[in-house]
Amino acid sequence: MSVAEPAPDLVFRPGTAADLSTTFELSERAMHAAASRQGAVPPEAPLTDARIRADWLRQRSMIEFIAAQPDGRYLVCEGAEGPIGYARVVRFGAMEQLTELMVAPRHQGHGVGRALLERCWPGDPTPELGRVVVATGAPNDLTLYTEFGVMPVGGHWHMRAHAGVYLSRRSQETDAPVPAVHVLNPDHAVHEWCRLEPDAIAHDREVLHQFLARDRTCLAYTPPGRAEPAALCWVSREGEIGPAVAATAGDLVPVVMAALDRVAKSREPETLSVYVTTLSWWLIRRLRRLGFQVFWPSWVLCSIPLPGLDRYAPTRPPQVL
């Protein structure tokens, strides 16, 4: 089968800080179109400028942080009407993550995404520098990414529940909120993340957790008789839960439950939302009992094994794993 080539009049250039809000809007519209095609949102539900603006204000600090990291790449594909696609790669330690690969809906299928990937990820990954990406589960997406040295290592599910259903079912559970879950101060949180996370995702992200320590609260679960936390979870002021990590798959459950309780009771949202990996059986089983359903399925693809995805919950919003 022939591979589509982008139109010769398209320009590929490095993105700048001035492009960030424009490419964010492009990504919002591309994701909304994909969600409509897959039935995740009703086709008649419009994506308003006000919604895009609110999402930009909520996610801006994370996007600017990612764009500012050294050794990253941010490429924009531009046509006569302006940017029609872009890709961004961020590096943490010995791992590069493709955080975004977005093409405007009417330009999809014309080779723009492949051309961006070829420029972001030339050559093959190496033992010294791996690659990871979170990708939608569409066959054409997965086929494309595997050509750039990454293979599926686990599913990545966006799960949602009606907050009222969650609180009702949670109140009927026999286990009360775990008293050993507590808040860590920022410096202690970063230290504990650097201790627990590398064994789970095979690379170190101290600079990310230094940023999250300024932006979110870190909950920690310390089992009775233990001196060090066995699980950690970041929670933002806006009620975004994740990432979370634990020493064992079972330890992940109480800290995520505590985060969900905190958001449900303090912010009183209509729906609760959390990301999980499909290897987190303990957590998924608990979430399903509490009314959570899969809203959006994706895949984690990597060039090396990720040893602890069963005890890891991804970041929300999903700019990074």
C-alpha atoms as a PDB file:
ATOM      1  CA  MET A   1       0.000   0.000   0.000  1.00  0.00           C
ATOM      2  CA  SER A   2       1.389   3.403  -0.960  1.00  0.00           C
ATOM      3  CA  VAL A   3       2.233   5.895   1.774  1.00  0.00           C
ATOM      4  CA  ALA A   4       0.628   9.335   1.452  1.00  0.00           C
ATOM      5  CA  GLU A   5       3.037  12.236   1.020  1.00  0.00           C
ATOM      6  CA  PRO A   6       2.324  15.722   2.385  1.00  0.00           C
ATOM      7  CA  ALA A   7       1.657  18.471  -0.145  1.00  0.00           C
ATOM      8  CA  PRO A   8       4.873  20.096  -1.410  1.00  0.00           C
ATOM      9  CA  ASP A   9       3.746  23.593  -0.410  1.00  0.00           C
ATOM     10  CA  LEU A  10       3.630  22.717   3.304  1.00  0.00           C
ATOM     11  CA  VAL A  11       6.341  24.157   5.554  1.00  0.00           C
ATOM     12  CA  PHE A  12       7.823  22.297   8.547  1.00  0.00           C
ATOM     13  CA  ARG A  13       9.443  24.625  11.074  1.00  0.00           C
ATOM     14  CA  PRO A  14      10.411  24.726  14.760  1.00  0.00           C
ATOM     15  CA  GLY A  15       7.582  25.860  16.995  1.00  0.00           C
ATOM     16  CA  THR A  16       7.985  28.844  19.305  1.00  0.00           C
ATOM     17  CA  ALA A  17       6.319  30.084  22.473  1.00  0.00           C
ATOM     18  CA  ALA A  18       4.059  32.203  20.272  1.00  0.00           C
ATOM     19  CA  ASP A  19       2.655  29.000  18.711  1.00  0.00           C
ATOM     20  CA  LEU A  20       1.633  27.299  21.960  1.00  0.00           C
ATOM     21  CA  SER A  21      -1.930  28.573  22.240  1.00  0.00           C
ATOM     22  CA  THR A  22      -2.545  28.054  18.493  1.00  0.00           C
ATOM     23  CA  THR A  23      -1.341  24.456  18.501  1.00  0.00           C
ATOM     24  CA  PHE A  24      -3.289  23.808  21.708  1.00  0.00           C
ATOM     25  CA  GLU A  25      -6.484  24.879  19.931  1.00  0.00           C
ATOM     26  CA  LEU A  26      -5.540  22.634  17.002  1.00  0.00           C
ATOM     27  CA  SER A  27      -5.122  19.690  19.388  1.00  0.00           C
ATOM     28  CA  GLU A  28      -8.467  20.365  21.100  1.00  0.00           C
ATOM     29  CA  ARG A  29     -10.287  20.373  17.752  1.00  0.00           C
ATOM     30  CA  ALA A  30      -8.475  17.255  16.508  1.00  0.00           C
ATOM     31  CA  MET A  31      -9.249  15.326  19.707  1.00  0.00           C
ATOM     32  CA  HIS A  32     -12.884  16.456  19.699  1.00  0.00           C
ATOM     33  CA  ALA A  33     -13.283  15.253  16.112  1.00  0.00           C
ATOM     34  CA  ALA A  34     -11.748  11.885  17.017  1.00  0.00           C
ATOM     35  CA  ALA A  35     -13.987  11.584  20.082  1.00  0.00           C
ATOM     36  CA  SER A  36     -17.044  12.284  17.930  1.00  0.00           C
ATOM     37  CA  ARG A  37     -16.025   9.615  15.400  1.00  0.00           C
ATOM     38  CA  GLN A  38     -15.583   7.039  18.153  1.00  0.00           C
ATOM     39  CA  GLY A  39     -18.834   7.943  19.896  1.00  0.00           C
ATOM     40  CA  ALA A  40     -17.179   9.220  23.081  1.00  0.00           C
ATOM     41  CA  VAL A  41     -18.997  12.549  22.689  1.00  0.00           C
ATOM     42  CA  PRO A  42     -22.256  13.196  20.802  1.00  0.00           C
ATOM     43  CA  PRO A  43     -21.648  14.424  17.218  1.00  0.00           C
ATOM     44  CA  GLU A  44     -24.007  17.337  17.833  1.00  0.00           C
ATOM     45  CA  ALA A  45     -22.082  18.528  20.911  1.00  0.00           C
ATOM     46  CA  PRO A  46     -20.082  21.563  19.714  1.00  0.00           C
ATOM     47  CA  LEU A  47     -16.596  22.439  20.932  1.00  0.00           C
ATOM     48  CA  THR A  48     -16.916  26.106  21.834  1.00  0.00           C
ATOM     49  CA  ASP A  49     -14.226  28.764  21.875  1.00  0.00           C
ATOM     50  CA  ALA A  50     -15.027  29.305  25.551  1.00  0.00           C
ATOM     51  CA  ARG A  51     -14.336  25.642  26.329  1.00  0.00           C
ATOM     52  CA  ILE A  52     -11.024  25.749  24.468  1.00  0.00           C
ATOM     53  CA  ARG A  53     -10.057  28.923  26.325  1.00  0.00           C
ATOM     54  CA  ALA A  54     -10.905  27.387  29.705  1.00  0.00           C
ATOM     55  CA  ASP A  55      -8.915  24.246  28.902  1.00  0.00           C
ATOM     56  CA  TRP A  56      -5.954  26.366  27.776  1.00  0.00           C
ATOM     57  CA  LEU A  57      -5.921  28.351  31.007  1.00  0.00           C
ATOM     58  CA  ARG A  58      -6.120  25.139  33.035  1.00  0.00           C
ATOM     59  CA  GLN A  59      -3.359  23.313  31.154  1.00  0.00           C
ATOM     60  CA  ARG A  60      -1.139  26.217  30.131  1.00  0.00           C
ATOM     61  CA  SER A  61       1.423  25.889  32.927  1.00  0.00           C
ATOM     62  CA  MET A  62       2.076  22.209  32.140  1.00  0.00           C
ATOM     63  CA  ILE A  63       2.365  22.862  28.389  1.00  0.00           C
ATOM     64  CA  GLU A  64       4.769  25.757  28.924  1.00  0.00           C
ATOM     65  CA  PHE A  65       6.818  23.606  31.308  1.00  0.00           C
ATOM     66  CA  ILE A  66       7.102  20.810  28.729  1.00  0.00           C
ATOM     67  CA  ALA A  67       7.983  23.248  25.946  1.00  0.00           C
ATOM     68  CA  ALA A  68      10.763  24.776  28.061  1.00  0.00           C
ATOM     69  CA  GLN A  69      12.609  21.497  28.726  1.00  0.00           C
ATOM     70  CA  PRO A  70      16.076  21.184  27.150  1.00  0.00           C
ATOM     71  CA  ASP A  71      16.732  18.598  24.418  1.00  0.00           C
ATOM     72  CA  GLY A  72      13.059  18.543  23.391  1.00  0.00           C
ATOM     73  CA  ARG A  73      11.590  19.137  19.946  1.00  0.00           C
ATOM     74  CA  TYR A  74       8.522  21.124  18.911  1.00  0.00           C
ATOM     75  CA  LEU A  75       7.729  21.110  15.189  1.00  0.00           C
ATOM     76  CA  VAL A  76       4.879  22.824  13.379  1.00  0.00           C
ATOM     77  CA  CYS A  77       3.518  21.996   9.915  1.00  0.00           C
ATOM     78  CA  GLU A  78       2.139  25.113   8.258  1.00  0.00           C
ATOM     79  CA  GLY A  79      -0.066  25.580   5.224  1.00  0.00           C
ATOM     80  CA  ALA A  80      -1.516  28.661   3.573  1.00  0.00           C
ATOM     81  CA  GLU A  81      -4.108  29.001   6.365  1.00  0.00           C
ATOM     82  CA  GLY A  82      -1.560  28.622   9.185  1.00  0.00           C
ATOM     83  CA  PRO A  83      -0.577  25.627  11.361  1.00  0.00           C
ATOM     84  CA  ILE A  84      -2.290  22.379  10.317  1.00  0.00           C
ATOM     85  CA  GLY A  85      -0.291  19.971  12.469  1.00  0.00           C
ATOM     86  CA  TYR A  86       2.408  19.763  15.096  1.00  0.00           C
ATOM     87  CA  ALA A  87       4.451  17.360  17.203  1.00  0.00           C
ATOM     88  CA  ARG A  88       6.269  17.768  20.503  1.00  0.00           C
ATOM     89  CA  VAL A  89       8.879  15.570  22.204  1.00  0.00           C
ATOM     90  CA  VAL A  90      10.089  16.051  25.791  1.00  0.00           C
ATOM     91  CA  ARG A  91      13.098  14.335  27.330  1.00  0.00           C
ATOM     92  CA  PHE A  92      13.297  13.129  30.928  1.00  0.00           C
ATOM     93  CA  GLY A  93      16.557  11.379  31.777  1.00  0.00           C
ATOM     94  CA  ALA A  94      17.098   8.472  29.382  1.00  0.00           C
ATOM     95  CA  MET A  95      13.607   8.612  27.836  1.00  0.00           C
ATOM     96  CA  GLU A  96      12.014  10.771  25.155  1.00  0.00           C
ATOM     97  CA  GLN A  97       8.219  10.996  25.178  1.00  0.00           C
ATOM     98  CA  LEU A  98       6.176  12.093  22.210  1.00  0.00           C
ATOM     99  CA  THR A  99       3.644  14.146  24.162  1.00  0.00           C
ATOM    100  CA  GLU A 100       1.577  15.312  21.188  1.00  0.00           C
ATOM    101  CA  LEU A 101       1.158  14.483  17.502  1.00  0.00           C
ATOM    102  CA  MET A 102      -1.845  16.378  16.173  1.00  0.00           C
ATOM    103  CA  VAL A 103      -3.132  17.069  12.657  1.00  0.00           C
ATOM    104  CA  ALA A 104      -6.181  19.160  11.804  1.00  0.00           C
ATOM    105  CA  PRO A 105      -9.071  16.828  10.872  1.00  0.00           C
ATOM    106  CA  ARG A 106      -9.359  17.843   7.206  1.00  0.00           C
ATOM    107  CA  HIS A 107      -5.613  17.328   6.674  1.00  0.00           C
ATOM    108  CA  GLN A 108      -5.463  13.849   8.214  1.00  0.00           C
ATOM    109  CA  GLY A 109      -4.562  10.930   5.963  1.00  0.00           C
ATOM    110  CA  HIS A 110      -2.228  13.012   3.799  1.00  0.00           C
ATOM    111  CA  GLY A 111       1.098  12.057   5.388  1.00  0.00           C
ATOM    112  CA  VAL A 112       1.465  15.089   7.683  1.00  0.00           C
ATOM    113  CA  GLY A 113       1.697  13.045  10.896  1.00  0.00           C
ATOM    114  CA  ARG A 114       4.314  10.703   9.426  1.00  0.00           C
ATOM    115  CA  ALA A 115       6.370  13.651   8.156  1.00  0.00           C
ATOM    116  CA  LEU A 116       6.309  15.244  11.622  1.00  0.00           C
ATOM    117  CA  LEU A 117       7.376  11.973  13.249  1.00  0.00           C
ATOM    118  CA  GLU A 118      10.230  11.529  10.770  1.00  0.00           C
ATOM    119  CA  ARG A 119      11.560  14.930  11.792  1.00  0.00           C
ATOM    120  CA  CYS A 120      11.010  14.449  15.547  1.00  0.00           C
ATOM    121  CA  TRP A 121      12.306  10.880  15.742  1.00  0.00           C
ATOM    122  CA  PRO A 122      14.925  10.332  13.015  1.00  0.00           C
ATOM    123  CA  GLY A 123      16.744   7.021  13.252  1.00  0.00           C
ATOM    124  CA  ASP A 124      16.054   4.333  15.838  1.00  0.00           C
ATOM    125  CA  PRO A 125      15.843   4.453  19.638  1.00  0.00           C
ATOM    126  CA  THR A 126      18.928   3.269  21.506  1.00  0.00           C
ATOM    127  CA  PRO A 127      19.616   1.576  24.853  1.00  0.00           C
ATOM    128  CA  GLU A 128      20.875   4.945  26.069  1.00  0.00           C
ATOM    129  CA  LEU A 129      17.792   6.916  24.917  1.00  0.00           C
ATOM    130  CA  GLY A 130      14.410   5.219  24.768  1.00  0.00           C
ATOM    131  CA  ARG A 131      11.080   6.370  23.373  1.00  0.00           C
ATOM    132  CA  VAL A 132       7.549   6.312  24.776  1.00  0.00           C
ATOM    133  CA  VAL A 133       4.193   7.560  23.518  1.00  0.00           C
ATOM    134  CA  VAL A 134       0.546   7.375  24.597  1.00  0.00           C
ATOM    135  CA  ALA A 135      -1.506   6.803  21.437  1.00  0.00           C
ATOM    136  CA  THR A 136      -5.150   6.339  20.568  1.00  0.00           C
ATOM    137  CA  GLY A 137      -6.141   2.786  19.798  1.00  0.00           C
ATOM    138  CA  ALA A 138      -7.008   3.313  16.121  1.00  0.00           C
ATOM    139  CA  PRO A 139      -5.208   0.721  13.941  1.00  0.00           C
ATOM    140  CA  ASN A 140      -3.623   3.314  11.669  1.00  0.00           C
ATOM    141  CA  ASP A 141      -2.187   5.190  14.673  1.00  0.00           C
ATOM    142  CA  LEU A 142      -0.682   2.066  16.219  1.00  0.00           C
ATOM    143  CA  THR A 143       0.771   0.922  12.890  1.00  0.00           C
ATOM    144  CA  LEU A 144       2.406   4.311  12.333  1.00  0.00           C
ATOM    145  CA  TYR A 145       4.059   4.470  15.761  1.00  0.00           C
ATOM    146  CA  THR A 146       5.499   0.955  15.533  1.00  0.00           C
ATOM    147  CA  GLU A 147       7.506   2.119  12.520  1.00  0.00           C
ATOM    148  CA  PHE A 148       9.425   4.463  14.847  1.00  0.00           C
ATOM    149  CA  GLY A 149      10.780   1.905  17.286  1.00  0.00           C
ATOM    150  CA  VAL A 150       7.981   1.630  19.874  1.00  0.00           C
ATOM    151  CA  MET A 151       5.644  -1.279  20.599  1.00  0.00           C
ATOM    152  CA  PRO A 152       2.515  -1.557  22.786  1.00  0.00           C
ATOM    153  CA  VAL A 153       3.342  -2.420  26.404  1.00  0.00           C
ATOM    154  CA  GLY A 154      -0.067  -1.794  27.978  1.00  0.00           C
ATOM    155  CA  GLY A 155      -3.392  -0.073  27.602  1.00  0.00           C
ATOM    156  CA  HIS A 156      -4.016   3.489  28.805  1.00  0.00           C
ATOM    157  CA  TRP A 157      -7.653   4.078  29.799  1.00  0.00           C
ATOM    158  CA  HIS A 158      -9.444   7.302  30.607  1.00  0.00           C
ATOM    159  CA  MET A 159     -12.131   6.204  33.090  1.00  0.00           C
ATOM    160  CA  ARG A 160     -15.113   8.252  34.264  1.00  0.00           C
ATOM    161  CA  ALA A 161     -17.903   7.917  36.832  1.00  0.00           C
ATOM    162  CA  HIS A 162     -20.834  10.051  37.876  1.00  0.00           C
ATOM    163  CA  ALA A 163     -19.767  11.642  41.160  1.00  0.00           C
ATOM    164  CA  GLY A 164     -23.120  10.918  42.813  1.00  0.00           C
ATOM    165  CA  VAL A 165     -22.886   7.233  41.948  1.00  0.00           C
ATOM    166  CA  TYR A 166     -19.310   7.113  43.214  1.00  0.00           C
ATOM    167  CA  LEU A 167     -20.142   8.731  46.560  1.00  0.00           C
ATOM    168  CA  SER A 168     -23.181   6.512  47.071  1.00  0.00           C
ATOM    169  CA  ARG A 169     -21.273   3.304  46.385  1.00  0.00           C
ATOM    170  CA  ARG A 170     -18.239   4.507  48.322  1.00  0.00           C
ATOM    171  CA  SER A 171     -20.395   5.143  51.412  1.00  0.00           C
ATOM    172  CA  GLN A 172     -21.558   1.529  51.299  1.00  0.00           C
ATOM    173  CA  GLU A 173     -18.040   0.062  51.256  1.00  0.00           C
ATOM    174  CA  THR A 174     -16.872  -1.565  54.449  1.00  0.00           C
ATOM    175  CA  ASP A 175     -13.406  -0.004  54.336  1.00  0.00           C
ATOM    176  CA  ALA A 176     -13.384   3.570  55.621  1.00  0.00           C
ATOM    177  CA  PRO A 177     -10.990   6.159  54.115  1.00  0.00           C
ATOM    178  CA  VAL A 178      -7.494   5.017  54.989  1.00  0.00           C
ATOM    179  CA  PRO A 179      -6.160   7.108  57.904  1.00  0.00           C
ATOM    180  CA  ALA A 180      -2.572   6.430  56.821  1.00  0.00           C
ATOM    181  CA  VAL A 181      -3.040   8.610  53.719  1.00  0.00           C
ATOM    182  CA  HIS A 182      -1.535  12.027  54.369  1.00  0.00           C
ATOM    183  CA  VAL A 183      -0.093  15.075  52.572  1.00  0.00           C
ATOM    184  CA  LEU A 184       3.649  15.402  51.971  1.00  0.00           C
ATOM    185  CA  ASN A 185       5.458  18.721  51.878  1.00  0.00           C
ATOM    186  CA  PRO A 186       6.886  19.536  48.413  1.00  0.00           C
ATOM    187  CA  ASP A 187      10.538  18.630  49.087  1.00  0.00           C
ATOM    188  CA  HIS A 188       9.598  15.344  50.749  1.00  0.00           C
ATOM    189  CA  ALA A 189       7.206  14.553  47.881  1.00  0.00           C
ATOM    190  CA  VAL A 190       9.897  15.017  45.227  1.00  0.00           C
ATOM    191  CA  HIS A 191      12.301  12.842  47.213  1.00  0.00           C
ATOM    192  CA  GLU A 192       9.766  10.025  47.504  1.00  0.00           C
ATOM    193  CA  TRP A 193       8.822  10.225  43.807  1.00  0.00           C
ATOM    194  CA  CYS A 194      12.488   9.896  42.885  1.00  0.00           C
ATOM    195  CA  ARG A 195      12.656   6.795  45.089  1.00  0.00           C
ATOM    196  CA  LEU A 196       9.527   5.006  43.850  1.00  0.00           C
ATOM    197  CA  GLU A 197       8.926   6.039  40.227  1.00  0.00           C
ATOM    198  CA  PRO A 198      12.070   4.947  38.308  1.00  0.00           C
ATOM    199  CA  ASP A 199      11.483   1.270  39.128  1.00  0.00           C
ATOM    200  CA  ALA A 200       7.960   1.541  37.695  1.00  0.00           C
ATOM    201  CA  ILE A 201       8.509   3.441  34.432  1.00  0.00           C
ATOM    202  CA  ALA A 202      12.229   2.782  33.770  1.00  0.00           C
ATOM    203  CA  HIS A 203      13.341   6.417  33.795  1.00  0.00           C
ATOM    204  CA  ASP A 204      13.798   9.334  36.184  1.00  0.00           C
ATOM    205  CA  ARG A 205      11.669  12.519  36.039  1.00  0.00           C
ATOM    206  CA  GLU A 206      12.823  14.604  38.997  1.00  0.00           C
ATOM    207  CA  VAL A 207      12.336  17.876  37.102  1.00  0.00           C
ATOM    208  CA  LEU A 208       8.695  16.954  36.356  1.00  0.00           C
ATOM    209  CA  HIS A 209       7.959  16.295  40.013  1.00  0.00           C
ATOM    210  CA  GLN A 210       9.642  19.538  41.031  1.00  0.00           C
ATOM    211  CA  PHE A 211       7.143  21.253  38.731  1.00  0.00           C
ATOM    212  CA  LEU A 212       4.197  19.218  40.057  1.00  0.00           C
ATOM    213  CA  ALA A 213       5.227  20.056  43.627  1.00  0.00           C
ATOM    214  CA  ARG A 214       4.562  23.717  42.804  1.00  0.00           C
ATOM    215  CA  ASP A 215       1.290  22.953  41.056  1.00  0.00           C
ATOM    216  CA  ARG A 216      -0.306  20.031  42.963  1.00  0.00           C
ATOM    217  CA  THR A 217      -0.663  18.352  46.347  1.00  0.00           C
ATOM    218  CA  CYS A 218       1.032  15.005  46.947  1.00  0.00           C
ATOM    219  CA  LEU A 219      -0.945  12.383  48.879  1.00  0.00           C
ATOM    220  CA  ALA A 220       1.016   9.493  50.370  1.00  0.00           C
ATOM    221  CA  TYR A 221      -0.065   6.102  51.692  1.00  0.00           C
ATOM    222  CA  THR A 222       2.099   4.678  54.463  1.00  0.00           C
ATOM    223  CA  PRO A 223       1.020   1.207  55.634  1.00  0.00           C
ATOM    224  CA  PRO A 224       1.027   0.508  59.370  1.00  0.00           C
ATOM    225  CA  GLY A 225       4.484  -0.282  60.645  1.00  0.00           C
ATOM    226  CA  ARG A 226       6.243   1.287  57.647  1.00  0.00           C
ATOM    227  CA  ALA A 227       8.500   4.326  57.902  1.00  0.00           C
ATOM    228  CA  GLU A 228       8.394   5.257  54.189  1.00  0.00           C
ATOM    229  CA  PRO A 229       5.359   5.822  51.943  1.00  0.00           C
ATOM    230  CA  ALA A 230       4.349   2.856  49.799  1.00  0.00           C
ATOM    231  CA  ALA A 231       2.272   4.930  47.352  1.00  0.00           C
ATOM    232  CA  LEU A 232       2.022   8.520  46.106  1.00  0.00           C
ATOM    233  CA  CYS A 233      -0.537  10.496  44.098  1.00  0.00           C
ATOM    234  CA  TRP A 234      -0.573  14.078  42.847  1.00  0.00           C
ATOM    235  CA  VAL A 235      -3.877  16.019  42.959  1.00  0.00           C
ATOM    236  CA  SER A 236      -4.286  19.463  41.381  1.00  0.00           C
ATOM    237  CA  ARG A 237      -6.361  22.382  42.637  1.00  0.00           C
ATOM    238  CA  GLU A 238      -8.678  21.765  39.671  1.00  0.00           C
ATOM    239  CA  GLY A 239      -9.297  18.190  40.825  1.00  0.00           C
ATOM    240  CA  GLU A 240      -7.031  16.413  38.339  1.00  0.00           C
ATOM    241  CA  ILE A 241      -5.740  13.124  39.740  1.00  0.00           C
ATOM    242  CA  GLY A 242      -2.357  11.688  38.782  1.00  0.00           C
ATOM    243  CA  PRO A 243       0.223  10.580  38.260  1.00  0.00           C
ATOM    244  CA  ALA A 244       0.311   7.975  41.022  1.00  0.00           C
ATOM    245  CA  VAL A 245       2.871   5.302  41.802  1.00  0.00           C
ATOM    246  CA  ALA A 246       3.210   2.525  44.368  1.00  0.00           C
ATOM    247  CA  ALA A 247       5.589  -0.132  45.594  1.00  0.00           C
ATOM    248  CA  THR A 248       3.022  -2.831  44.744  1.00  0.00           C
ATOM    249  CA  ALA A 249      -0.178  -2.947  42.697  1.00  0.00           C
ATOM    250  CA  GLY A 250      -2.261  -3.287  45.846  1.00  0.00           C
ATOM    251  CA  ASP A 251      -0.653  -0.220  47.445  1.00  0.00           C
ATOM    252  CA  LEU A 252      -1.866   1.930  44.528  1.00  0.00           C
ATOM    253  CA  VAL A 253      -5.544   1.500  45.461  1.00  0.00           C
ATOM    254  CA  PRO A 254      -5.775   3.374  48.799  1.00  0.00           C
ATOM    255  CA  VAL A 255      -3.925   6.465  47.610  1.00  0.00           C
ATOM    256  CA  VAL A 256      -6.056   6.777  44.445  1.00  0.00           C
ATOM    257  CA  MET A 257      -9.225   6.224  46.502  1.00  0.00           C
ATOM    258  CA  ALA A 258      -8.128   8.981  48.875  1.00  0.00           C
ATOM    259  CA  ALA A 259      -7.543  11.302  45.906  1.00  0.00           C
ATOM    260  CA  LEU A 260     -10.991  10.535  44.461  1.00  0.00           C
ATOM    261  CA  ASP A 261     -12.618  11.105  47.882  1.00  0.00           C
ATOM    262  CA  ARG A 262     -10.828  14.434  48.193  1.00  0.00           C
ATOM    263  CA  VAL A 263     -11.956  15.655  44.771  1.00  0.00           C
ATOM    264  CA  ALA A 264     -15.538  14.351  45.083  1.00  0.00           C
ATOM    265  CA  LYS A 265     -16.116  16.014  48.456  1.00  0.00           C
ATOM    266  CA  SER A 266     -14.179  19.259  48.044  1.00  0.00           C
ATOM    267  CA  ARG A 267     -15.048  20.193  44.457  1.00  0.00           C
ATOM    268  CA  GLU A 268     -18.391  18.383  44.019  1.00  0.00           C
ATOM    269  CA  PRO A 269     -17.915  17.767  40.254  1.00  0.00           C
ATOM    270  CA  GLU A 270     -20.577  16.200  38.054  1.00  0.00           C
ATOM    271  CA  THR A 271     -18.152  13.470  36.967  1.00  0.00           C
ATOM    272  CA  LEU A 272     -14.929  12.044  38.338  1.00  0.00           C
ATOM    273  CA  SER A 273     -12.099  11.190  35.981  1.00  0.00           C
ATOM    274  CA  VAL A 274      -8.880   9.211  36.329  1.00  0.00           C
ATOM    275  CA  TYR A 275      -6.385   7.514  34.008  1.00  0.00           C
ATOM    276  CA  VAL A 276      -5.271   3.917  34.558  1.00  0.00           C
ATOM    277  CA  THR A 277      -3.141   1.357  32.776  1.00  0.00           C
ATOM    278  CA  THR A 278      -4.793  -1.905  31.791  1.00  0.00           C
ATOM    279  CA  LEU A 279      -2.199  -3.749  33.890  1.00  0.00           C
ATOM    280  CA  SER A 280      -3.533  -2.133  37.102  1.00  0.00           C
ATOM    281  CA  TRP A 281      -5.999  -4.940  37.793  1.00  0.00           C
ATOM    282  CA  TRP A 282      -6.407  -4.170  41.503  1.00  0.00           C
ATOM    283  CA  LEU A 283      -7.235  -0.526  40.809  1.00  0.00           C
ATOM    284  CA  ILE A 284      -9.509  -1.192  37.807  1.00  0.00           C
ATOM    285  CA  ARG A 285     -11.502  -3.793  39.746  1.00  0.00           C
ATOM    286  CA  ARG A 286     -12.074  -1.280  42.559  1.00  0.00           C
ATOM    287  CA  LEU A 287     -13.017   1.519  40.149  1.00  0.00           C
ATOM    288  CA  ARG A 288     -15.518  -0.669  38.323  1.00  0.00           C
ATOM    289  CA  ARG A 289     -17.279  -1.463  41.601  1.00  0.00           C
ATOM    290  CA  LEU A 290     -17.571   2.273  42.206  1.00  0.00           C
ATOM    291  CA  GLY A 291     -19.257   3.017  38.871  1.00  0.00           C
ATOM    292  CA  PHE A 292     -16.297   3.889  36.637  1.00  0.00           C
ATOM    293  CA  GLN A 293     -16.471   3.052  32.933  1.00  0.00           C
ATOM    294  CA  VAL A 294     -13.945   3.341  30.115  1.00  0.00           C
ATOM    295  CA  PHE A 295     -14.423   6.699  28.399  1.00  0.00           C
ATOM    296  CA  TRP A 296     -11.429   6.734  26.043  1.00  0.00           C
ATOM    297  CA  PRO A 297      -9.050   3.817  25.307  1.00  0.00           C
ATOM    298  CA  SER A 298      -5.437   4.366  24.289  1.00  0.00           C
ATOM    299  CA  TRP A 299      -2.135   2.494  24.327  1.00  0.00           C
ATOM    300  CA  VAL A 300       1.222   3.042  25.978  1.00  0.00           C
ATOM    301  CA  LEU A 301       3.949   2.247  23.428  1.00  0.00           C
ATOM    302  CA  CYS A 302       7.640   2.166  24.316  1.00  0.00           C
ATOM    303  CA  SER A 303      10.977   1.064  22.896  1.00  0.00           C
ATOM    304  CA  ILE A 304      11.850  -0.791  26.134  1.00  0.00           C
ATOM    305  CA  PRO A 305       9.812  -2.729  28.726  1.00  0.00           C
ATOM    306  CA  LEU A 306       8.170  -0.603  31.424  1.00  0.00           C
ATOM    307  CA  PRO A 307       8.381  -2.889  34.458  1.00  0.00           C
ATOM    308  CA  GLY A 308       5.793  -1.424  36.833  1.00  0.00           C
ATOM    309  CA  LEU A 309       2.733  -0.190  34.917  1.00  0.00           C
ATOM    310  CA  ASP A 310       0.572  -2.384  37.161  1.00  0.00           C
ATOM    311  CA  ARG A 311       1.454  -0.035  40.035  1.00  0.00           C
ATOM    312  CA  TYR A 312       1.375   3.229  38.116  1.00  0.00           C
ATOM    313  CA  ALA A 313      -1.517   5.565  37.258  1.00  0.00           C
ATOM    314  CA  PRO A 314      -0.830   8.045  34.428  1.00  0.00           C
ATOM    315  CA  THR A 315      -0.917  11.825  34.514  1.00  0.00           C
ATOM    316  CA  ARG A 316      -4.092  13.800  33.988  1.00  0.00           C
ATOM    317  CA  PRO A 317      -4.292  15.733  31.694  1.00  0.00           C
ATOM    318  CA  PRO A 318      -2.173  13.269  29.674  1.00  0.00           C
ATOM    319  CA  GLN A 319       0.572  15.552  28.367  1.00  0.00           C
ATOM    320  CA  VAL A 320       3.097  13.081  29.810  1.00  0.00           C
ATOM    321  CA  LEU A 321       2.762   9.423  30.805  1.00  0.00           C
END
